[in-house]
Amino acid sequence: MADPHDAAPPLLQPGQAAPDFTLPATPDQMLSLADLRGAPVVLAFYPADWSPVCGDQMGLYNQMLPEFHRAGAQLVGISVDGVWCHAAFAEARKLHFPLLADFEPKGEVARRYGAYRAQDGVAQRALFVLDAGGIIRWSYLSPLGLNPGADGILDALDALAPTQKPQGAQA
């Protein structure tokens, strides 16, 4: 069995297949990455529900949901907090996207993405944009104390979009 204090592998990079996972979204519902195939997915790993930077980051992404949805993308937040903590945090911040509990075994999914901070026992502040087939097309590791914003996510989603004709254009 691996030592839980071992360092996580490096952050997964574009071109790699995103490791599948199934995590609790609520006390009685699970969500699998495979359930989201067929459309782009934004995975936002973050350290802790109630930290100021995480609250600001998740709040920003909640405001950006219409932009993510315009690109056809589903947003998923992931931290090592438990489902009840996520439920209280999502209600307090009025979040409208799933927060998944990478709680037990602690940080297992974050470790597989190279997004676990073993010395602190939390997920790194790491972002991934996956294409409809589950291939990582963009990844970014932000300093723990810095909100990475949404520009990189939006640029990555734009890069996934096929060239579209303006509305009303003739073929």
C-alpha atoms as a PDB file:
ATOM      1  CA  MET A   1       0.000   0.000   0.000  1.00  0.00           C
ATOM      2  CA  ALA A   2       1.316   3.456  -0.894  1.00  0.00           C
ATOM      3  CA  ASP A   3       2.366   5.809   1.862  1.00  0.00           C
ATOM      4  CA  PRO A   4      -0.310   8.536   2.120  1.00  0.00           C
ATOM      5  CA  HIS A   5       2.471  11.072   2.703  1.00  0.00           C
ATOM      6  CA  ASP A   6       4.119  10.371  -0.657  1.00  0.00           C
ATOM      7  CA  ALA A   7       4.152  13.340  -2.995  1.00  0.00           C
ATOM      8  CA  ALA A   8       1.513  13.402  -5.707  1.00  0.00           C
ATOM      9  CA  PRO A   9       2.627  12.835  -9.292  1.00  0.00           C
ATOM     10  CA  PRO A  10       3.057  15.948 -11.440  1.00  0.00           C
ATOM     11  CA  LEU A  11      -0.073  17.764 -12.589  1.00  0.00           C
ATOM     12  CA  LEU A  12      -1.650  15.971 -15.543  1.00  0.00           C
ATOM     13  CA  GLN A  13      -1.009  17.764 -18.812  1.00  0.00           C
ATOM     14  CA  PRO A  14      -2.939  18.423 -22.029  1.00  0.00           C
ATOM     15  CA  GLY A  15      -3.221  15.395 -24.281  1.00  0.00           C
ATOM     16  CA  GLN A  16      -3.544  12.939 -21.396  1.00  0.00           C
ATOM     17  CA  ALA A  17      -6.758  11.027 -20.743  1.00  0.00           C
ATOM     18  CA  ALA A  18      -8.501  12.296 -17.619  1.00  0.00           C
ATOM     19  CA  PRO A  19      -8.660   9.520 -15.016  1.00  0.00           C
ATOM     20  CA  ASP A  20     -12.246   8.423 -14.433  1.00  0.00           C
ATOM     21  CA  PHE A  21     -13.663   8.703 -10.935  1.00  0.00           C
ATOM     22  CA  THR A  22     -16.881   8.364  -8.995  1.00  0.00           C
ATOM     23  CA  LEU A  23     -17.348  10.650  -5.988  1.00  0.00           C
ATOM     24  CA  PRO A  24     -20.237  11.650  -3.729  1.00  0.00           C
ATOM     25  CA  ALA A  25     -22.097  14.781  -4.856  1.00  0.00           C
ATOM     26  CA  THR A  26     -24.617  14.579  -2.002  1.00  0.00           C
ATOM     27  CA  PRO A  27     -25.037  12.164   0.908  1.00  0.00           C
ATOM     28  CA  ASP A  28     -27.053   9.850  -1.362  1.00  0.00           C
ATOM     29  CA  GLN A  29     -25.878  10.658  -4.915  1.00  0.00           C
ATOM     30  CA  MET A  30     -22.669   9.808  -6.728  1.00  0.00           C
ATOM     31  CA  LEU A  31     -21.298  11.466  -9.853  1.00  0.00           C
ATOM     32  CA  SER A  32     -18.849   9.836 -12.245  1.00  0.00           C
ATOM     33  CA  LEU A  33     -16.700  11.601 -14.773  1.00  0.00           C
ATOM     34  CA  ALA A  34     -18.002   9.028 -17.273  1.00  0.00           C
ATOM     35  CA  ASP A  35     -21.528  10.421 -16.680  1.00  0.00           C
ATOM     36  CA  LEU A  36     -20.355  13.734 -18.154  1.00  0.00           C
ATOM     37  CA  ARG A  37     -18.782  12.356 -21.352  1.00  0.00           C
ATOM     38  CA  GLY A  38     -20.047  13.812 -24.599  1.00  0.00           C
ATOM     39  CA  ALA A  39     -19.532  17.436 -23.565  1.00  0.00           C
ATOM     40  CA  PRO A  40     -16.628  19.508 -22.249  1.00  0.00           C
ATOM     41  CA  VAL A  41     -15.989  19.365 -18.501  1.00  0.00           C
ATOM     42  CA  VAL A  42     -14.256  21.873 -16.233  1.00  0.00           C
ATOM     43  CA  LEU A  43     -12.734  20.284 -13.125  1.00  0.00           C
ATOM     44  CA  ALA A  44     -11.880  22.814 -10.413  1.00  0.00           C
ATOM     45  CA  PHE A  45      -9.890  21.243  -7.580  1.00  0.00           C
ATOM     46  CA  TYR A  46      -9.676  23.540  -4.548  1.00  0.00           C
ATOM     47  CA  PRO A  47      -8.322  23.288  -0.987  1.00  0.00           C
ATOM     48  CA  ALA A  48     -11.284  23.911   1.330  1.00  0.00           C
ATOM     49  CA  ASP A  49     -14.895  25.019   1.252  1.00  0.00           C
ATOM     50  CA  TRP A  50     -14.774  27.799   3.817  1.00  0.00           C
ATOM     51  CA  SER A  51     -11.439  29.437   3.032  1.00  0.00           C
ATOM     52  CA  PRO A  52     -11.716  33.023   1.743  1.00  0.00           C
ATOM     53  CA  VAL A  53      -9.913  32.425  -1.572  1.00  0.00           C
ATOM     54  CA  CYS A  54     -11.870  29.232  -2.294  1.00  0.00           C
ATOM     55  CA  GLY A  55     -15.146  30.977  -1.531  1.00  0.00           C
ATOM     56  CA  ASP A  56     -14.251  33.781  -3.928  1.00  0.00           C
ATOM     57  CA  GLN A  57     -13.105  31.331  -6.611  1.00  0.00           C
ATOM     58  CA  MET A  58     -16.212  29.138  -6.439  1.00  0.00           C
ATOM     59  CA  GLY A  59     -18.414  32.250  -6.284  1.00  0.00           C
ATOM     60  CA  LEU A  60     -16.769  33.592  -9.445  1.00  0.00           C
ATOM     61  CA  TYR A  61     -17.289  30.279 -11.244  1.00  0.00           C
ATOM     62  CA  ASN A  62     -20.933  30.316 -10.173  1.00  0.00           C
ATOM     63  CA  GLN A  63     -21.276  33.749 -11.800  1.00  0.00           C
ATOM     64  CA  MET A  64     -19.515  32.413 -14.910  1.00  0.00           C
ATOM     65  CA  LEU A  65     -21.823  29.389 -15.277  1.00  0.00           C
ATOM     66  CA  PRO A  66     -23.775  30.969 -18.179  1.00  0.00           C
ATOM     67  CA  GLU A  67     -20.481  31.363 -20.088  1.00  0.00           C
ATOM     68  CA  PHE A  68     -19.433  27.774 -19.315  1.00  0.00           C
ATOM     69  CA  HIS A  69     -22.869  26.508 -20.365  1.00  0.00           C
ATOM     70  CA  ARG A  70     -22.741  28.557 -23.594  1.00  0.00           C
ATOM     71  CA  ALA A  71     -19.634  26.523 -24.416  1.00  0.00           C
ATOM     72  CA  GLY A  72     -21.596  23.351 -23.599  1.00  0.00           C
ATOM     73  CA  ALA A  73     -19.410  22.671 -20.559  1.00  0.00           C
ATOM     74  CA  GLN A  74     -20.277  21.221 -17.161  1.00  0.00           C
ATOM     75  CA  LEU A  75     -18.414  22.627 -14.129  1.00  0.00           C
ATOM     76  CA  VAL A  76     -17.503  20.384 -11.202  1.00  0.00           C
ATOM     77  CA  GLY A  77     -15.753  21.486  -7.998  1.00  0.00           C
ATOM     78  CA  ILE A  78     -13.679  18.929  -6.071  1.00  0.00           C
ATOM     79  CA  SER A  79     -12.109  19.170  -2.614  1.00  0.00           C
ATOM     80  CA  VAL A  80     -11.303  16.818   0.250  1.00  0.00           C
ATOM     81  CA  ASP A  81     -14.181  18.226   2.329  1.00  0.00           C
ATOM     82  CA  GLY A  82     -17.113  15.913   3.085  1.00  0.00           C
ATOM     83  CA  VAL A  83     -20.573  16.018   1.506  1.00  0.00           C
ATOM     84  CA  TRP A  84     -22.207  17.756   4.480  1.00  0.00           C
ATOM     85  CA  CYS A  85     -19.576  20.489   4.430  1.00  0.00           C
ATOM     86  CA  HIS A  86     -20.106  20.862   0.672  1.00  0.00           C
ATOM     87  CA  ALA A  87     -23.881  21.040   1.148  1.00  0.00           C
ATOM     88  CA  ALA A  88     -23.602  23.846   3.718  1.00  0.00           C
ATOM     89  CA  PHE A  89     -21.013  25.721   1.645  1.00  0.00           C
ATOM     90  CA  ALA A  90     -23.042  25.428  -1.588  1.00  0.00           C
ATOM     91  CA  GLU A  91     -26.179  26.633   0.192  1.00  0.00           C
ATOM     92  CA  ALA A  92     -24.397  29.573   1.845  1.00  0.00           C
ATOM     93  CA  ARG A  93     -22.723  30.639  -1.422  1.00  0.00           C
ATOM     94  CA  LYS A  94     -25.790  29.780  -3.561  1.00  0.00           C
ATOM     95  CA  LEU A  95     -23.692  27.585  -5.862  1.00  0.00           C
ATOM     96  CA  HIS A  96     -25.427  25.902  -8.794  1.00  0.00           C
ATOM     97  CA  PHE A  97     -22.868  23.271  -9.759  1.00  0.00           C
ATOM     98  CA  PRO A  98     -21.838  20.009  -8.106  1.00  0.00           C
ATOM     99  CA  LEU A  99     -19.172  19.923  -5.407  1.00  0.00           C
ATOM    100  CA  LEU A 100     -17.668  16.461  -5.137  1.00  0.00           C
ATOM    101  CA  ALA A 101     -16.224  15.048  -1.922  1.00  0.00           C
ATOM    102  CA  ASP A 102     -12.759  13.535  -2.442  1.00  0.00           C
ATOM    103  CA  PHE A 103     -13.003  12.675   1.245  1.00  0.00           C
ATOM    104  CA  GLU A 104     -12.320   8.972   1.706  1.00  0.00           C
ATOM    105  CA  PRO A 105      -9.815   7.775   0.834  1.00  0.00           C
ATOM    106  CA  LYS A 106      -8.724  11.351   1.349  1.00  0.00           C
ATOM    107  CA  GLY A 107      -7.556  13.053  -1.815  1.00  0.00           C
ATOM    108  CA  GLU A 108      -7.458   9.881  -3.929  1.00  0.00           C
ATOM    109  CA  VAL A 109      -8.826  11.595  -7.039  1.00  0.00           C
ATOM    110  CA  ALA A 110      -6.732  14.734  -6.526  1.00  0.00           C
ATOM    111  CA  ARG A 111      -3.633  12.507  -6.271  1.00  0.00           C
ATOM    112  CA  ARG A 112      -4.485  10.819  -9.603  1.00  0.00           C
ATOM    113  CA  TYR A 113      -4.622  14.262 -11.254  1.00  0.00           C
ATOM    114  CA  GLY A 114      -1.370  15.403  -9.606  1.00  0.00           C
ATOM    115  CA  ALA A 115      -3.426  17.930  -7.650  1.00  0.00           C
ATOM    116  CA  TYR A 116      -2.929  16.843  -4.025  1.00  0.00           C
ATOM    117  CA  ARG A 117      -0.916  18.777  -1.468  1.00  0.00           C
ATOM    118  CA  ALA A 118       0.161  16.006   0.916  1.00  0.00           C
ATOM    119  CA  GLN A 119       1.934  18.296   3.380  1.00  0.00           C
ATOM    120  CA  ASP A 120      -1.370  20.096   4.070  1.00  0.00           C
ATOM    121  CA  GLY A 121      -3.831  17.277   3.364  1.00  0.00           C
ATOM    122  CA  VAL A 122      -5.787  19.310   0.803  1.00  0.00           C
ATOM    123  CA  ALA A 123      -6.313  19.453  -2.934  1.00  0.00           C
ATOM    124  CA  GLN A 124      -4.175  21.923  -4.825  1.00  0.00           C
ATOM    125  CA  ARG A 125      -5.883  24.834  -6.580  1.00  0.00           C
ATOM    126  CA  ALA A 126      -5.802  23.078  -9.970  1.00  0.00           C
ATOM    127  CA  LEU A 127      -7.973  23.491 -13.055  1.00  0.00           C
ATOM    128  CA  PHE A 128      -8.595  21.113 -15.940  1.00  0.00           C
ATOM    129  CA  VAL A 129     -10.640  21.527 -19.108  1.00  0.00           C
ATOM    130  CA  LEU A 130     -11.581  18.208 -20.700  1.00  0.00           C
ATOM    131  CA  ASP A 131     -12.951  17.729 -24.180  1.00  0.00           C
ATOM    132  CA  ALA A 132     -16.086  15.689 -24.884  1.00  0.00           C
ATOM    133  CA  GLY A 133     -14.000  12.518 -25.094  1.00  0.00           C
ATOM    134  CA  GLY A 134     -12.390  12.980 -21.676  1.00  0.00           C
ATOM    135  CA  ILE A 135      -8.983  14.189 -22.904  1.00  0.00           C
ATOM    136  CA  ILE A 136      -7.346  16.994 -20.935  1.00  0.00           C
ATOM    137  CA  ARG A 137      -7.030  20.008 -23.241  1.00  0.00           C
ATOM    138  CA  TRP A 138      -5.835  22.528 -20.633  1.00  0.00           C
ATOM    139  CA  SER A 139      -4.512  22.298 -17.082  1.00  0.00           C
ATOM    140  CA  TYR A 140      -3.295  24.923 -14.655  1.00  0.00           C
ATOM    141  CA  LEU A 141      -1.886  24.871 -11.130  1.00  0.00           C
ATOM    142  CA  SER A 142      -2.431  28.107  -9.227  1.00  0.00           C
ATOM    143  CA  PRO A 143      -0.647  29.150  -6.035  1.00  0.00           C
ATOM    144  CA  LEU A 144      -2.767  28.132  -3.037  1.00  0.00           C
ATOM    145  CA  GLY A 145      -3.448  31.715  -1.939  1.00  0.00           C
ATOM    146  CA  LEU A 146      -4.338  33.054  -5.397  1.00  0.00           C
ATOM    147  CA  ASN A 147      -7.717  32.906  -7.144  1.00  0.00           C
ATOM    148  CA  PRO A 148      -6.852  31.845 -10.717  1.00  0.00           C
ATOM    149  CA  GLY A 149      -9.937  33.521 -12.159  1.00  0.00           C
ATOM    150  CA  ALA A 150     -11.800  32.204 -15.185  1.00  0.00           C
ATOM    151  CA  ASP A 151      -9.906  33.609 -18.193  1.00  0.00           C
ATOM    152  CA  GLY A 152      -7.828  30.458 -18.752  1.00  0.00           C
ATOM    153  CA  ILE A 153     -10.918  28.268 -18.558  1.00  0.00           C
ATOM    154  CA  LEU A 154     -12.803  30.461 -21.036  1.00  0.00           C
ATOM    155  CA  ASP A 155      -9.849  30.510 -23.445  1.00  0.00           C
ATOM    156  CA  ALA A 156      -9.567  26.710 -23.253  1.00  0.00           C
ATOM    157  CA  LEU A 157     -13.313  26.284 -23.859  1.00  0.00           C
ATOM    158  CA  ASP A 158     -13.119  28.681 -26.819  1.00  0.00           C
ATOM    159  CA  ALA A 159     -10.299  26.580 -28.268  1.00  0.00           C
ATOM    160  CA  LEU A 160     -12.542  23.491 -28.076  1.00  0.00           C
ATOM    161  CA  ALA A 161     -15.417  25.133 -29.928  1.00  0.00           C
ATOM    162  CA  PRO A 162     -15.697  24.225 -33.607  1.00  0.00           C
ATOM    163  CA  THR A 163     -15.669  27.125 -36.002  1.00  0.00           C
ATOM    164  CA  GLN A 164     -19.230  28.379 -36.084  1.00  0.00           C
ATOM    165  CA  LYS A 165     -20.984  30.444 -38.703  1.00  0.00           C
ATOM    166  CA  PRO A 166     -22.600  33.639 -37.421  1.00  0.00           C
ATOM    167  CA  GLN A 167     -26.349  33.314 -36.851  1.00  0.00           C
ATOM    168  CA  GLY A 168     -28.284  33.726 -40.064  1.00  0.00           C
ATOM    169  CA  ALA A 169     -25.281  32.908 -42.285  1.00  0.00           C
ATOM    170  CA  GLN A 170     -26.011  30.737 -45.293  1.00  0.00           C
ATOM    171  CA  ALA A 171     -24.152  27.502 -45.881  1.00  0.00           C
END
